[in-house]
Amino acid sequence: AAEYLNRFLPEDANRVVYLPTPTWANHKAIFNDAGVKVESYRHFNKEVNGLDYDGLMADIKNAPNKSVFLFHACAHNPTGIDPTMEQWKGMSDACK
């Protein structure tokens, strides 16, 4: 995926991938090795031991147009925390 993004994103695209915090260290290394800059978005909220939905949504909305976000479809690794169906819909809408 990292190589694909580096090769085929349009020239005017933001060549940055946003990874969840936390994520596995190899995710950052894979994208960096492919020449794609890495930023992070909020995912885990320690205070509630759950999804930082408000922070995640703010990060999506504040990212430049044509940014790429890496979402774990289920069982976010390493936290195991998944958005609800309603939250997925909100995330999808924010990414459009």
Protein backbone atom coordinates (compact mmCIF):
# COMPACT_ATOMS: atom_id res chain seq x y z
CA ALA A 1 0.00 0.00 0.00
CA ALA A 2 2.82 2.40 0.84
CA GLU A 3 4.52 1.90 -2.54
CA TYR A 4 1.18 2.24 -4.30
CA LEU A 5 0.46 5.56 -2.58
CA ASN A 6 3.89 6.92 -3.43
CA ARG A 7 3.58 5.92 -7.08
CA PHE A 8 -0.03 6.67 -7.89
CA LEU A 9 -1.27 9.53 -5.73
CA PRO A 10 -1.97 12.55 -7.92
CA GLU A 11 0.78 15.17 -7.96
CA ASP A 12 -1.43 17.62 -6.05
CA ALA A 13 -2.22 15.08 -3.31
CA ASN A 14 -0.90 15.42 0.20
CA ARG A 15 1.79 12.73 0.24
CA VAL A 16 1.28 12.04 3.92
CA VAL A 17 -0.34 9.06 5.58
CA TYR A 18 -1.95 9.53 8.96
CA LEU A 19 -1.49 6.58 11.32
CA PRO A 20 -3.40 5.98 14.54
CA THR A 21 -1.86 6.65 17.93
CA PRO A 22 -0.82 4.12 19.02
CA THR A 23 0.16 1.88 16.14
CA TRP A 24 2.87 -0.66 15.48
CA ALA A 25 6.36 0.79 14.89
CA ASN A 26 6.69 -1.11 11.61
CA HIS A 27 3.79 0.86 10.10
CA LYS A 28 5.80 4.08 10.26
CA ALA A 29 8.92 2.37 8.92
CA ILE A 30 7.05 0.84 5.96
CA PHE A 31 5.61 4.18 4.82
CA ASN A 32 8.86 6.07 5.41
CA ASP A 33 10.78 3.47 3.41
CA ALA A 34 8.36 3.96 0.52
CA GLY A 35 8.94 7.73 0.60
CA VAL A 36 5.61 8.62 2.19
CA LYS A 37 5.67 11.06 5.09
CA VAL A 38 3.94 9.90 8.28
CA GLU A 39 1.77 11.91 10.65
CA SER A 40 -0.51 10.65 13.39
CA TYR A 41 -4.13 10.98 14.38
CA ARG A 42 -5.69 10.42 17.78
CA HIS A 43 -7.23 7.00 18.32
CA PHE A 44 -6.87 5.87 21.94
CA ASN A 45 -8.15 7.84 24.91
CA LYS A 46 -6.45 6.58 28.09
CA GLU A 47 -8.92 8.38 30.36
CA VAL A 48 -11.89 6.36 29.11
CA ASN A 49 -9.91 3.33 27.90
CA GLY A 50 -11.63 3.69 24.54
CA LEU A 51 -11.75 5.45 21.22
CA ASP A 52 -10.87 9.14 21.15
CA TYR A 53 -13.64 9.81 18.65
CA ASP A 54 -13.69 13.58 19.12
CA GLY A 55 -9.92 13.82 18.68
CA LEU A 56 -9.98 11.48 15.69
CA MET A 57 -12.72 13.52 14.00
CA ALA A 58 -10.88 16.78 14.67
CA ASP A 59 -7.72 15.33 13.14
CA ILE A 60 -9.58 14.18 10.02
CA LYS A 61 -11.25 17.57 9.61
CA ASN A 62 -7.97 19.46 10.13
CA ALA A 63 -5.94 17.41 7.66
CA PRO A 64 -5.26 18.89 4.23
CA ASN A 65 -7.53 17.81 1.36
CA LYS A 66 -6.56 14.53 -0.30
CA SER A 67 -4.84 13.24 2.85
CA VAL A 68 -4.65 9.50 3.44
CA PHE A 69 -5.71 7.92 6.74
CA LEU A 70 -4.90 4.34 7.72
CA PHE A 71 -7.88 2.90 9.59
CA HIS A 72 -7.86 -0.57 11.08
CA ALA A 73 -11.09 -2.18 9.88
CA CYS A 74 -11.55 -4.20 13.06
CA ALA A 75 -9.71 -5.01 16.28
CA HIS A 76 -7.39 -1.97 16.11
CA ASN A 77 -3.91 -3.20 16.77
CA PRO A 78 -2.59 -2.86 19.47
CA THR A 79 -5.63 -1.54 21.43
CA GLY A 80 -8.43 -3.77 20.09
CA ILE A 81 -10.78 -0.75 20.10
CA ASP A 82 -13.24 -0.47 17.22
CA PRO A 83 -15.47 2.44 16.23
CA THR A 84 -19.21 1.77 16.35
CA MET A 85 -21.14 1.64 13.08
CA GLU A 86 -22.38 5.18 13.73
CA GLN A 87 -18.81 6.37 14.34
CA TRP A 88 -17.63 4.66 11.12
CA LYS A 89 -20.33 6.57 9.25
CA GLY A 90 -19.16 9.85 10.78
CA MET A 91 -15.56 9.05 9.87
CA SER A 92 -16.57 8.18 6.32
CA ASP A 93 -18.53 11.39 5.95
CA ALA A 94 -15.61 13.45 7.30
CA CYS A 95 -13.21 11.84 4.81
CA LYS A 96 -15.31 12.73 1.76
